[in-house]
Amino acid sequence: MNKIDLILFDLDGTLIDSLDDLANATNHMLLTLGRPAATRDQVRGYVGQGARRLVERAMPDAAADELERGLALFLDYNEEHIVDRTCLYPGAMETLTALREAGLTLAVVSNKNVALCTKVLTSLGADGFFAAVIGADSLAERKPSPEPLLKVLRDLGVPPERAVMVGDSINDIAAGQAAGIATIGCTFGYGDLAEIEDADYLIDSLPELLQLPLLGGEQAVRI
């Protein structure tokens, strides 16, 4: 792997464990609309392509007007309760600190709306690590499109061969591959292992990033 200057991180399921809050927001929406609640594992399967897609997956038989009402209910509740139970994954703060001290530039590319990304990062004390934060509503396209990643590369003046995408889902790996950058799959996130098996590297925890060849580590095994 080439020397890396920029690490792009997904947010939910990669840097933060937000599943309980997403499940609570989903069930607030469903119960308000007179529908049965979803399980935590069901909500795990809804996550990955933004709030609208989550609502569509939670209510696949809903008419357009119910989907719009559901989306509003979900977003309002989620914003109000965004860090009730959400937390950084173990070792995240220490890993981000070590990466920054090693001279790497860090950014977030998420399918969560950018205002919510900023709010949760600020609430968890992690906002100061990132040179850029891109959300689902930042551009016309979102992951798995490579466009959000390519925008960060352009804005920060980093060529694709000197960047890497870290994420837990097929959206992250596909976006990274389409952008021509290396990919690292997080096995501890929300996606199934099959979604990330084509990543260049797999990690079982965030601190394992520090062992990868991109920082001179020798303990990682190339996939």
Protein backbone atom coordinates (compact mmCIF):
# COMPACT_ATOMS: atom_id res chain seq x y z
CA MET A 1 0.00 0.00 0.00
CA ASN A 2 1.17 3.53 -0.76
CA LYS A 3 1.84 5.94 2.06
CA ILE A 4 -1.53 7.23 3.23
CA ASP A 5 -2.21 10.91 3.88
CA LEU A 6 -6.01 10.83 4.31
CA ILE A 7 -8.36 8.44 6.11
CA LEU A 8 -12.08 8.69 5.32
CA PHE A 9 -14.37 7.24 7.98
CA ASP A 10 -17.96 6.16 7.82
CA LEU A 11 -19.79 7.19 11.01
CA ASP A 12 -22.58 4.85 12.18
CA GLY A 13 -21.26 1.34 12.73
CA THR A 14 -17.67 2.49 12.23
CA LEU A 15 -16.79 5.30 14.64
CA ILE A 16 -19.98 5.30 16.69
CA ASP A 17 -22.37 2.65 17.99
CA SER A 18 -25.71 4.36 17.44
CA LEU A 19 -27.91 1.32 16.92
CA ASP A 20 -29.93 1.66 20.13
CA ASP A 21 -30.82 5.29 19.40
CA LEU A 22 -31.67 4.45 15.78
CA ALA A 23 -33.87 1.59 16.99
CA ASN A 24 -35.63 3.86 19.48
CA ALA A 25 -36.27 6.48 16.79
CA THR A 26 -37.55 3.81 14.41
CA ASN A 27 -39.92 2.39 16.99
CA HIS A 28 -41.16 5.85 18.00
CA MET A 29 -42.10 6.32 14.36
CA LEU A 30 -43.69 2.89 13.96
CA LEU A 31 -45.70 3.01 17.18
CA THR A 32 -46.90 6.56 16.51
CA LEU A 33 -48.19 5.35 13.14
CA GLY A 34 -49.94 2.38 14.75
CA ARG A 35 -47.47 -0.20 13.48
CA PRO A 36 -45.70 -2.93 15.47
CA ALA A 37 -42.25 -2.20 16.81
CA ALA A 38 -39.14 -3.55 15.12
CA THR A 39 -36.42 -5.54 16.84
CA ARG A 40 -32.90 -4.22 17.24
CA ASP A 41 -31.63 -6.74 14.69
CA GLN A 42 -34.30 -5.67 12.21
CA VAL A 43 -33.24 -2.04 12.56
CA ARG A 44 -29.62 -3.08 12.03
CA GLY A 45 -30.70 -4.26 8.58
CA TYR A 46 -32.44 -0.97 7.83
CA VAL A 47 -29.32 1.15 8.46
CA GLY A 48 -26.80 2.18 5.82
CA GLN A 49 -28.37 4.33 3.13
CA GLY A 50 -29.72 7.27 5.06
CA ALA A 51 -32.89 8.07 6.99
CA ARG A 52 -35.32 7.94 4.07
CA ARG A 53 -34.17 4.49 3.05
CA LEU A 54 -34.40 3.33 6.69
CA VAL A 55 -38.03 4.48 6.83
CA GLU A 56 -38.79 2.77 3.52
CA ARG A 57 -37.28 -0.47 4.76
CA ALA A 58 -39.17 -0.26 8.05
CA MET A 59 -42.51 0.32 6.26
CA PRO A 60 -42.20 -1.33 2.83
CA ASP A 61 -45.98 -1.29 2.28
CA ALA A 62 -46.50 2.37 3.21
CA ALA A 63 -48.01 4.91 0.84
CA ALA A 64 -46.06 8.04 -0.05
CA ASP A 65 -47.82 10.28 2.47
CA GLU A 66 -47.21 7.82 5.34
CA LEU A 67 -43.54 7.55 4.36
CA GLU A 68 -43.20 11.33 4.51
CA ARG A 69 -44.88 11.48 7.92
CA GLY A 70 -42.73 8.59 9.12
CA LEU A 71 -39.57 10.30 7.93
CA ALA A 72 -40.48 13.47 9.80
CA LEU A 73 -41.25 11.50 12.97
CA PHE A 74 -37.98 9.58 12.72
CA LEU A 75 -35.81 12.62 12.05
CA ASP A 76 -37.37 14.76 14.78
CA TYR A 77 -37.02 12.04 17.40
CA ASN A 78 -33.54 11.05 16.29
CA GLU A 79 -32.25 14.62 16.47
CA GLU A 80 -33.73 15.11 19.93
CA HIS A 81 -32.32 11.81 21.25
CA ILE A 82 -29.23 11.42 19.06
CA VAL A 83 -26.81 10.65 21.89
CA ASP A 84 -29.09 9.13 24.52
CA ARG A 85 -27.22 5.82 24.13
CA THR A 86 -24.89 6.47 21.21
CA CYS A 87 -21.19 6.24 22.03
CA LEU A 88 -17.83 6.00 20.32
CA TYR A 89 -16.62 2.47 19.78
CA PRO A 90 -13.96 1.24 22.22
CA GLY A 91 -10.59 2.72 21.39
CA ALA A 92 -11.99 5.24 18.92
CA MET A 93 -10.75 8.37 20.68
CA GLU A 94 -7.31 6.91 21.26
CA THR A 95 -7.08 5.74 17.65
CA LEU A 96 -8.15 9.11 16.23
CA THR A 97 -5.63 10.85 18.48
CA ALA A 98 -2.81 8.53 17.37
CA LEU A 99 -3.68 8.97 13.68
CA ARG A 100 -3.74 12.73 13.99
CA GLU A 101 -0.45 12.76 15.88
CA ALA A 102 1.04 10.62 13.09
CA GLY A 103 0.24 13.47 10.69
CA LEU A 104 -2.71 11.95 8.87
CA THR A 105 -5.71 14.00 7.78
CA LEU A 106 -9.08 12.57 8.85
CA ALA A 107 -12.56 13.06 7.39
CA VAL A 108 -16.07 11.64 7.80
CA VAL A 109 -18.21 10.54 4.86
CA SER A 110 -21.63 9.38 6.10
CA ASN A 111 -25.10 8.67 4.76
CA LYS A 112 -26.51 10.47 7.82
CA ASN A 113 -27.52 14.10 7.22
CA VAL A 114 -24.53 16.36 7.78
CA ALA A 115 -26.13 18.40 10.59
CA LEU A 116 -26.72 15.20 12.55
CA CYS A 117 -23.16 14.03 11.87
CA THR A 118 -21.82 17.28 13.26
CA LYS A 119 -24.17 17.20 16.25
CA VAL A 120 -23.26 13.67 17.31
CA LEU A 121 -19.51 14.20 16.80
CA THR A 122 -19.64 17.42 18.82
CA SER A 123 -21.70 15.80 21.57
CA LEU A 124 -19.16 12.97 21.83
CA GLY A 125 -16.18 15.34 21.80
CA ALA A 126 -14.80 14.02 18.52
CA ASP A 127 -15.57 16.89 16.13
CA GLY A 128 -12.10 18.42 16.32
CA PHE A 129 -10.41 15.49 14.60
CA PHE A 130 -11.91 15.95 11.15
CA ALA A 131 -10.87 18.25 8.31
CA ALA A 132 -14.15 17.58 6.49
CA VAL A 133 -17.56 16.08 7.26
CA ILE A 134 -19.79 15.02 4.34
CA GLY A 135 -23.35 13.81 4.91
CA ALA A 136 -26.17 12.35 2.86
CA ASP A 137 -27.51 15.82 2.05
CA SER A 138 -24.15 17.41 1.20
CA LEU A 139 -24.25 16.35 -2.46
CA ALA A 140 -26.73 15.05 -5.01
CA GLU A 141 -25.30 11.54 -4.60
CA ARG A 142 -24.33 9.53 -1.52
CA LYS A 143 -22.48 6.27 -0.91
CA PRO A 144 -22.21 3.80 -2.64
CA SER A 145 -21.57 6.54 -5.19
CA PRO A 146 -17.90 7.59 -5.08
CA GLU A 147 -18.82 11.27 -5.44
CA PRO A 148 -18.73 12.18 -1.70
CA LEU A 149 -15.29 10.58 -1.38
CA LEU A 150 -14.02 12.25 -4.54
CA LYS A 151 -15.20 15.64 -3.30
CA VAL A 152 -13.16 15.26 -0.11
CA LEU A 153 -10.13 14.22 -2.15
CA ARG A 154 -10.51 17.26 -4.39
CA ASP A 155 -11.13 19.68 -1.54
CA LEU A 156 -8.12 18.46 0.43
CA GLY A 157 -5.86 17.97 -2.58
CA VAL A 158 -5.17 14.28 -1.91
CA PRO A 159 -4.76 11.79 -4.79
CA PRO A 160 -6.78 8.55 -4.54
CA GLU A 161 -3.70 6.38 -4.07
CA ARG A 162 -2.87 8.25 -0.85
CA ALA A 163 -6.29 7.80 0.76
CA VAL A 164 -8.25 4.99 2.39
CA MET A 165 -11.94 4.47 3.21
CA VAL A 166 -12.89 2.82 6.52
CA GLY A 167 -16.44 1.50 6.92
CA ASP A 168 -18.71 -1.34 7.95
CA SER A 169 -21.00 -1.80 4.94
CA ILE A 170 -21.08 -2.52 1.23
CA ASN A 171 -21.80 1.17 0.66
CA ASP A 172 -18.42 2.13 2.11
CA ILE A 173 -16.42 -0.55 0.31
CA ALA A 174 -18.17 0.00 -3.03
CA ALA A 175 -17.72 3.78 -2.79
CA GLY A 176 -14.04 3.39 -1.96
CA GLN A 177 -13.42 0.97 -4.78
CA ALA A 178 -15.25 3.18 -7.28
CA ALA A 179 -13.18 6.17 -6.12
CA GLY A 180 -9.98 4.21 -6.67
CA ILE A 181 -8.90 4.24 -3.04
CA ALA A 182 -7.97 1.45 -0.63
CA THR A 183 -10.67 0.10 1.67
CA ILE A 184 -10.79 -1.21 5.24
CA GLY A 185 -13.84 -3.14 6.45
CA CYS A 186 -14.96 -3.02 10.09
CA THR A 187 -16.24 -6.41 11.20
CA PHE A 188 -17.70 -4.96 14.42
CA GLY A 189 -20.24 -2.70 12.66
CA TYR A 190 -23.76 -3.17 11.35
CA GLY A 191 -23.08 -4.80 8.00
CA ASP A 192 -22.77 -8.52 7.42
CA LEU A 193 -19.28 -9.87 6.87
CA ALA A 194 -20.22 -10.75 3.30
CA GLU A 195 -20.74 -7.04 2.58
CA ILE A 196 -17.16 -6.12 3.38
CA GLU A 197 -15.23 -9.25 2.42
CA ASP A 198 -13.88 -7.54 -0.71
CA ALA A 199 -12.16 -4.81 1.33
CA ASP A 200 -8.37 -4.61 1.13
CA TYR A 201 -8.15 -5.12 4.89
CA LEU A 202 -10.51 -6.21 7.66
CA ILE A 203 -10.25 -5.01 11.26
CA ASP A 204 -12.02 -6.28 14.35
CA SER A 205 -11.54 -3.06 16.34
CA LEU A 206 -10.55 0.52 15.60
CA PRO A 207 -7.15 0.30 17.33
CA GLU A 208 -6.18 -2.33 14.73
CA LEU A 209 -5.90 0.55 12.25
CA LEU A 210 -2.64 1.44 13.96
CA GLN A 211 -1.21 -1.99 13.05
CA LEU A 212 -1.89 -1.70 9.32
CA PRO A 213 0.89 -1.08 6.80
CA LEU A 214 -0.50 2.41 6.11
CA LEU A 215 1.14 3.42 9.40
CA GLY A 216 4.08 1.11 9.14
CA GLY A 217 2.47 -1.71 11.09
CA GLU A 218 3.41 -5.30 10.35
CA GLN A 219 0.68 -7.29 12.05
CA ALA A 220 -2.15 -6.88 9.53
CA VAL A 221 -2.89 -9.58 7.00
CA ARG A 222 -3.82 -8.45 3.53
CA ILE A 223 -7.14 -9.83 2.38
